[in-house]
Amino acid sequence: MVTPRPALPAGKLRIVGGRLRGSKLAVADIDGLRPTPDRVRETLFNWLMPFIDGARCLDLYAGTGALGIEALSRGAAQVDFFERDVRLAQALRENLARLKQEATRVRHADALAALGETAIQPYDIVFVDPPFALDLWNESARLLETHAWLAPHALIYIESPVEQALNLPQAWQLHREGHAGAVRYALYRRSDKLAAR
């Protein structure tokens, strides 16, 4: 008989796989902060398993940083985090230091403003999970595509309300998707050939 793991106290989440499995992250009580649930992260990283090792990743609306830290745990070579809330950015830096994760950069910045710049180096995997109330998906996608943030065959994860209309670049082809209650989570794969049309 398998004994279920005890639930974490309110305000905590757990890294679910990889070398940091079981590590706990504090979750601040900040309006709009909605960490991706364990079960959804587990499914996502099962999808990403063939691609994550050595990948260069961007956690665009980092919040707790759970998606990016999960990527590091599972073998990503580098993860950059963008977070506009100064408290969350500082908490993320502290968690990364505590977990001894050095192949990271935390940028205290508004994601859309940052994406308006041309990327220095493109990313293999990008996590797009913005605060649901702000309707940032389509503009984020447009800027990622037009300012060279994506590698030719990049993977883009999007978490959104099931009723949210997404107007994504033609080059992004749906790879996998799932639903958890009122939330849709989906992984897209970029095609350089479609982008060139």
C-alpha atoms as a PDB file:
ATOM      1  CA  MET A   1       0.000   0.000   0.000  1.00  0.00           C
ATOM      2  CA  VAL A   2       1.304   3.430  -1.002  1.00  0.00           C
ATOM      3  CA  THR A   3       1.008   6.057   1.708  1.00  0.00           C
ATOM      4  CA  PRO A   4      -0.051   9.409   0.231  1.00  0.00           C
ATOM      5  CA  ARG A   5       2.282  12.319   0.838  1.00  0.00           C
ATOM      6  CA  PRO A   6       1.038  14.701   3.498  1.00  0.00           C
ATOM      7  CA  ALA A   7      -0.343  17.976   2.215  1.00  0.00           C
ATOM      8  CA  LEU A   8       1.925  20.972   2.588  1.00  0.00           C
ATOM      9  CA  PRO A   9       0.829  23.801   4.855  1.00  0.00           C
ATOM     10  CA  ALA A  10      -0.929  26.685   3.146  1.00  0.00           C
ATOM     11  CA  GLY A  11       1.579  28.926   1.425  1.00  0.00           C
ATOM     12  CA  LYS A  12       3.961  26.170   0.267  1.00  0.00           C
ATOM     13  CA  LEU A  13       4.488  24.245  -2.934  1.00  0.00           C
ATOM     14  CA  ARG A  14       6.789  21.375  -3.786  1.00  0.00           C
ATOM     15  CA  ILE A  15       9.091  20.665  -6.733  1.00  0.00           C
ATOM     16  CA  VAL A  16       7.670  17.425  -8.102  1.00  0.00           C
ATOM     17  CA  GLY A  17      10.551  15.842 -10.038  1.00  0.00           C
ATOM     18  CA  GLY A  18      14.249  15.789 -10.831  1.00  0.00           C
ATOM     19  CA  ARG A  19      17.233  16.391  -8.589  1.00  0.00           C
ATOM     20  CA  LEU A  20      15.400  19.049  -6.523  1.00  0.00           C
ATOM     21  CA  ARG A  21      12.350  16.828  -6.039  1.00  0.00           C
ATOM     22  CA  GLY A  22      10.620  17.499  -2.731  1.00  0.00           C
ATOM     23  CA  SER A  23      12.166  20.963  -2.295  1.00  0.00           C
ATOM     24  CA  LYS A  24       9.626  23.384  -0.880  1.00  0.00           C
ATOM     25  CA  LEU A  25       8.982  26.929  -2.066  1.00  0.00           C
ATOM     26  CA  ALA A  26       7.131  29.521  -0.028  1.00  0.00           C
ATOM     27  CA  VAL A  27       4.112  31.059  -1.753  1.00  0.00           C
ATOM     28  CA  ALA A  28       3.527  34.695  -0.866  1.00  0.00           C
ATOM     29  CA  ASP A  29      -0.013  35.945  -0.272  1.00  0.00           C
ATOM     30  CA  ILE A  30      -0.064  38.351  -3.217  1.00  0.00           C
ATOM     31  CA  ASP A  31      -3.160  39.155  -5.266  1.00  0.00           C
ATOM     32  CA  GLY A  32      -3.114  37.422  -8.646  1.00  0.00           C
ATOM     33  CA  LEU A  33      -0.378  34.936  -7.715  1.00  0.00           C
ATOM     34  CA  ARG A  34      -1.588  31.509  -8.846  1.00  0.00           C
ATOM     35  CA  PRO A  35       1.161  28.854  -8.902  1.00  0.00           C
ATOM     36  CA  THR A  36       0.768  26.009 -11.389  1.00  0.00           C
ATOM     37  CA  PRO A  37      -0.555  22.998  -9.423  1.00  0.00           C
ATOM     38  CA  ASP A  38       1.684  19.966  -8.841  1.00  0.00           C
ATOM     39  CA  ARG A  39      -0.381  17.694 -11.082  1.00  0.00           C
ATOM     40  CA  VAL A  40      -0.253  20.119 -14.010  1.00  0.00           C
ATOM     41  CA  ARG A  41       3.506  20.626 -13.586  1.00  0.00           C
ATOM     42  CA  GLU A  42       3.980  16.861 -13.516  1.00  0.00           C
ATOM     43  CA  THR A  43       2.048  16.493 -16.786  1.00  0.00           C
ATOM     44  CA  LEU A  44       3.859  19.406 -18.446  1.00  0.00           C
ATOM     45  CA  PHE A  45       7.308  18.102 -17.596  1.00  0.00           C
ATOM     46  CA  ASN A  46       6.372  14.628 -18.791  1.00  0.00           C
ATOM     47  CA  TRP A  47       5.633  16.301 -22.138  1.00  0.00           C
ATOM     48  CA  LEU A  48       8.939  18.195 -21.966  1.00  0.00           C
ATOM     49  CA  MET A  49      11.053  15.192 -20.946  1.00  0.00           C
ATOM     50  CA  PRO A  50      12.577  14.663 -24.429  1.00  0.00           C
ATOM     51  CA  PHE A  51      13.502  18.351 -24.713  1.00  0.00           C
ATOM     52  CA  ILE A  52      14.428  19.685 -21.257  1.00  0.00           C
ATOM     53  CA  ASP A  53      17.966  18.368 -20.824  1.00  0.00           C
ATOM     54  CA  GLY A  54      20.392  21.178 -21.666  1.00  0.00           C
ATOM     55  CA  ALA A  55      17.607  23.578 -22.678  1.00  0.00           C
ATOM     56  CA  ARG A  56      17.764  27.328 -22.280  1.00  0.00           C
ATOM     57  CA  CYS A  57      14.468  28.419 -20.673  1.00  0.00           C
ATOM     58  CA  LEU A  58      12.562  31.614 -19.897  1.00  0.00           C
ATOM     59  CA  ASP A  59       9.971  31.791 -17.093  1.00  0.00           C
ATOM     60  CA  LEU A  60       8.228  34.900 -18.383  1.00  0.00           C
ATOM     61  CA  TYR A  61       5.777  35.700 -15.562  1.00  0.00           C
ATOM     62  CA  ALA A  62       7.775  33.926 -12.890  1.00  0.00           C
ATOM     63  CA  GLY A  63       5.782  34.499  -9.687  1.00  0.00           C
ATOM     64  CA  THR A  64       7.119  31.799  -7.344  1.00  0.00           C
ATOM     65  CA  GLY A  65       9.422  30.560 -10.115  1.00  0.00           C
ATOM     66  CA  ALA A  66       7.991  27.044  -9.783  1.00  0.00           C
ATOM     67  CA  LEU A  67       8.014  26.347 -13.539  1.00  0.00           C
ATOM     68  CA  GLY A  68      11.564  27.559 -14.030  1.00  0.00           C
ATOM     69  CA  ILE A  69      12.881  25.809 -10.909  1.00  0.00           C
ATOM     70  CA  GLU A  70      11.159  22.594 -12.012  1.00  0.00           C
ATOM     71  CA  ALA A  71      12.981  22.975 -15.349  1.00  0.00           C
ATOM     72  CA  LEU A  72      16.325  23.378 -13.552  1.00  0.00           C
ATOM     73  CA  SER A  73      15.536  20.351 -11.409  1.00  0.00           C
ATOM     74  CA  ARG A  74      14.977  18.266 -14.533  1.00  0.00           C
ATOM     75  CA  GLY A  75      18.141  19.249 -16.383  1.00  0.00           C
ATOM     76  CA  ALA A  76      17.704  22.648 -18.033  1.00  0.00           C
ATOM     77  CA  ALA A  77      21.071  24.307 -18.631  1.00  0.00           C
ATOM     78  CA  GLN A  78      19.877  27.867 -17.937  1.00  0.00           C
ATOM     79  CA  VAL A  79      16.668  29.497 -16.735  1.00  0.00           C
ATOM     80  CA  ASP A  80      15.972  33.226 -16.782  1.00  0.00           C
ATOM     81  CA  PHE A  81      13.063  34.615 -14.767  1.00  0.00           C
ATOM     82  CA  PHE A  82      11.131  37.859 -15.377  1.00  0.00           C
ATOM     83  CA  GLU A  83       9.052  39.159 -12.465  1.00  0.00           C
ATOM     84  CA  ARG A  84       7.671  42.675 -12.062  1.00  0.00           C
ATOM     85  CA  ASP A  85       6.765  42.445  -8.345  1.00  0.00           C
ATOM     86  CA  VAL A  86       9.866  43.358  -6.363  1.00  0.00           C
ATOM     87  CA  ARG A  87       8.860  41.139  -3.411  1.00  0.00           C
ATOM     88  CA  LEU A  88       8.418  38.090  -5.613  1.00  0.00           C
ATOM     89  CA  ALA A  89      11.654  38.768  -7.477  1.00  0.00           C
ATOM     90  CA  GLN A  90      13.549  38.955  -4.183  1.00  0.00           C
ATOM     91  CA  ALA A  91      11.894  35.814  -2.810  1.00  0.00           C
ATOM     92  CA  LEU A  92      12.806  34.013  -6.027  1.00  0.00           C
ATOM     93  CA  ARG A  93      16.461  35.072  -5.727  1.00  0.00           C
ATOM     94  CA  GLU A  94      16.487  33.804  -2.137  1.00  0.00           C
ATOM     95  CA  ASN A  95      14.958  30.441  -3.115  1.00  0.00           C
ATOM     96  CA  LEU A  96      17.455  29.981  -5.953  1.00  0.00           C
ATOM     97  CA  ALA A  97      20.349  30.764  -3.599  1.00  0.00           C
ATOM     98  CA  ARG A  98      18.992  28.357  -0.974  1.00  0.00           C
ATOM     99  CA  LEU A  99      18.663  25.625  -3.597  1.00  0.00           C
ATOM    100  CA  LYS A 100      22.173  26.443  -4.891  1.00  0.00           C
ATOM    101  CA  GLN A 101      20.966  27.140  -8.431  1.00  0.00           C
ATOM    102  CA  GLU A 102      23.493  29.332 -10.219  1.00  0.00           C
ATOM    103  CA  ALA A 103      22.575  28.915 -13.908  1.00  0.00           C
ATOM    104  CA  THR A 104      19.850  31.507 -13.496  1.00  0.00           C
ATOM    105  CA  ARG A 105      19.097  35.184 -13.835  1.00  0.00           C
ATOM    106  CA  VAL A 106      16.191  36.965 -12.127  1.00  0.00           C
ATOM    107  CA  ARG A 107      15.192  40.163 -13.850  1.00  0.00           C
ATOM    108  CA  HIS A 108      12.919  42.539 -11.945  1.00  0.00           C
ATOM    109  CA  ALA A 109      11.029  43.804 -14.973  1.00  0.00           C
ATOM    110  CA  ASP A 110       7.649  44.080 -16.629  1.00  0.00           C
ATOM    111  CA  ALA A 111       7.571  41.147 -19.055  1.00  0.00           C
ATOM    112  CA  LEU A 112       5.961  43.033 -21.958  1.00  0.00           C
ATOM    113  CA  ALA A 113       8.459  45.878 -21.650  1.00  0.00           C
ATOM    114  CA  ALA A 114      11.334  43.392 -21.573  1.00  0.00           C
ATOM    115  CA  LEU A 115       9.957  41.514 -24.585  1.00  0.00           C
ATOM    116  CA  GLY A 116       9.907  44.775 -26.519  1.00  0.00           C
ATOM    117  CA  GLU A 117      13.695  44.540 -26.649  1.00  0.00           C
ATOM    118  CA  THR A 118      15.420  42.201 -29.094  1.00  0.00           C
ATOM    119  CA  ALA A 119      16.646  39.056 -27.354  1.00  0.00           C
ATOM    120  CA  ILE A 120      20.404  38.603 -27.002  1.00  0.00           C
ATOM    121  CA  GLN A 121      20.048  34.834 -27.382  1.00  0.00           C
ATOM    122  CA  PRO A 122      16.867  32.865 -28.159  1.00  0.00           C
ATOM    123  CA  TYR A 123      15.262  30.396 -25.771  1.00  0.00           C
ATOM    124  CA  ASP A 124      14.438  26.727 -26.343  1.00  0.00           C
ATOM    125  CA  ILE A 125      11.497  26.652 -23.906  1.00  0.00           C
ATOM    126  CA  VAL A 126       9.342  29.565 -22.703  1.00  0.00           C
ATOM    127  CA  PHE A 127       6.727  29.407 -19.937  1.00  0.00           C
ATOM    128  CA  VAL A 128       3.850  31.903 -20.360  1.00  0.00           C
ATOM    129  CA  ASP A 129       1.579  31.885 -17.307  1.00  0.00           C
ATOM    130  CA  PRO A 130       0.598  35.516 -16.620  1.00  0.00           C
ATOM    131  CA  PRO A 131      -1.908  36.778 -14.054  1.00  0.00           C
ATOM    132  CA  PHE A 132      -5.259  35.787 -15.543  1.00  0.00           C
ATOM    133  CA  ALA A 133      -6.910  39.172 -14.943  1.00  0.00           C
ATOM    134  CA  LEU A 134      -4.457  41.057 -17.167  1.00  0.00           C
ATOM    135  CA  ASP A 135      -5.059  39.384 -20.581  1.00  0.00           C
ATOM    136  CA  LEU A 136      -1.380  39.293 -21.577  1.00  0.00           C
ATOM    137  CA  TRP A 137      -1.247  36.089 -23.657  1.00  0.00           C
ATOM    138  CA  ASN A 138      -1.628  37.414 -27.195  1.00  0.00           C
ATOM    139  CA  GLU A 139       0.686  40.392 -26.823  1.00  0.00           C
ATOM    140  CA  SER A 140       3.299  38.208 -25.103  1.00  0.00           C
ATOM    141  CA  ALA A 141       3.117  35.736 -27.988  1.00  0.00           C
ATOM    142  CA  ARG A 142       3.445  38.476 -30.592  1.00  0.00           C
ATOM    143  CA  LEU A 143       6.513  39.982 -28.918  1.00  0.00           C
ATOM    144  CA  LEU A 144       8.174  36.606 -28.355  1.00  0.00           C
ATOM    145  CA  GLU A 145       7.840  35.896 -32.060  1.00  0.00           C
ATOM    146  CA  THR A 146       8.759  39.306 -33.468  1.00  0.00           C
ATOM    147  CA  HIS A 147      11.747  40.130 -31.233  1.00  0.00           C
ATOM    148  CA  ALA A 148      13.749  36.916 -31.720  1.00  0.00           C
ATOM    149  CA  TRP A 149      13.125  35.418 -28.275  1.00  0.00           C
ATOM    150  CA  LEU A 150      12.460  31.932 -29.652  1.00  0.00           C
ATOM    151  CA  ALA A 151      14.831  29.325 -31.064  1.00  0.00           C
ATOM    152  CA  PRO A 152      13.767  27.878 -34.454  1.00  0.00           C
ATOM    153  CA  HIS A 153      11.970  24.900 -32.880  1.00  0.00           C
ATOM    154  CA  ALA A 154      11.183  26.395 -29.478  1.00  0.00           C
ATOM    155  CA  LEU A 155       8.480  25.011 -27.204  1.00  0.00           C
ATOM    156  CA  ILE A 156       6.059  27.466 -25.599  1.00  0.00           C
ATOM    157  CA  TYR A 157       3.884  26.569 -22.614  1.00  0.00           C
ATOM    158  CA  ILE A 158       0.700  28.605 -22.112  1.00  0.00           C
ATOM    159  CA  GLU A 159      -1.625  28.449 -19.102  1.00  0.00           C
ATOM    160  CA  SER A 160      -4.932  30.279 -19.481  1.00  0.00           C
ATOM    161  CA  PRO A 161      -8.645  30.165 -18.596  1.00  0.00           C
ATOM    162  CA  VAL A 162     -10.489  27.636 -20.755  1.00  0.00           C
ATOM    163  CA  GLU A 163     -12.662  30.400 -22.247  1.00  0.00           C
ATOM    164  CA  GLN A 164      -9.691  32.638 -23.133  1.00  0.00           C
ATOM    165  CA  ALA A 165      -9.414  33.383 -26.865  1.00  0.00           C
ATOM    166  CA  LEU A 166      -5.816  32.986 -28.003  1.00  0.00           C
ATOM    167  CA  ASN A 167      -4.537  34.605 -31.181  1.00  0.00           C
ATOM    168  CA  LEU A 168      -1.123  32.985 -31.502  1.00  0.00           C
ATOM    169  CA  PRO A 169       1.498  33.259 -34.240  1.00  0.00           C
ATOM    170  CA  GLN A 170       1.003  31.002 -37.250  1.00  0.00           C
ATOM    171  CA  ALA A 171       4.361  29.361 -36.542  1.00  0.00           C
ATOM    172  CA  TRP A 172       3.116  27.964 -33.202  1.00  0.00           C
ATOM    173  CA  GLN A 173       1.589  24.532 -33.638  1.00  0.00           C
ATOM    174  CA  LEU A 174      -0.270  22.832 -30.781  1.00  0.00           C
ATOM    175  CA  HIS A 175       1.783  19.913 -29.440  1.00  0.00           C
ATOM    176  CA  ARG A 176      -0.180  18.803 -26.350  1.00  0.00           C
ATOM    177  CA  GLU A 177      -2.955  20.222 -24.172  1.00  0.00           C
ATOM    178  CA  GLY A 178      -4.962  19.439 -21.059  1.00  0.00           C
ATOM    179  CA  HIS A 179      -7.507  20.944 -18.666  1.00  0.00           C
ATOM    180  CA  ALA A 180      -7.609  21.263 -14.894  1.00  0.00           C
ATOM    181  CA  GLY A 181     -10.943  22.683 -13.797  1.00  0.00           C
ATOM    182  CA  ALA A 182     -11.349  26.088 -15.434  1.00  0.00           C
ATOM    183  CA  VAL A 183      -7.705  26.193 -16.577  1.00  0.00           C
ATOM    184  CA  ARG A 184      -6.346  25.117 -19.962  1.00  0.00           C
ATOM    185  CA  TYR A 185      -2.665  24.267 -20.215  1.00  0.00           C
ATOM    186  CA  ALA A 186      -1.042  23.738 -23.581  1.00  0.00           C
ATOM    187  CA  LEU A 187       2.365  23.195 -25.127  1.00  0.00           C
ATOM    188  CA  TYR A 188       3.082  24.657 -28.566  1.00  0.00           C
ATOM    189  CA  ARG A 189       5.976  23.864 -30.877  1.00  0.00           C
ATOM    190  CA  ARG A 190       7.390  26.560 -33.120  1.00  0.00           C
ATOM    191  CA  SER A 191       8.039  25.798 -36.777  1.00  0.00           C
ATOM    192  CA  ASP A 192      10.707  27.939 -38.399  1.00  0.00           C
ATOM    193  CA  LYS A 193       9.287  27.024 -41.835  1.00  0.00           C
ATOM    194  CA  LEU A 194       5.851  28.391 -40.933  1.00  0.00           C
ATOM    195  CA  ALA A 195       7.421  31.524 -39.408  1.00  0.00           C
ATOM    196  CA  ALA A 196       9.172  32.250 -42.703  1.00  0.00           C
ATOM    197  CA  ARG A 197       5.906  32.383 -44.677  1.00  0.00           C
END
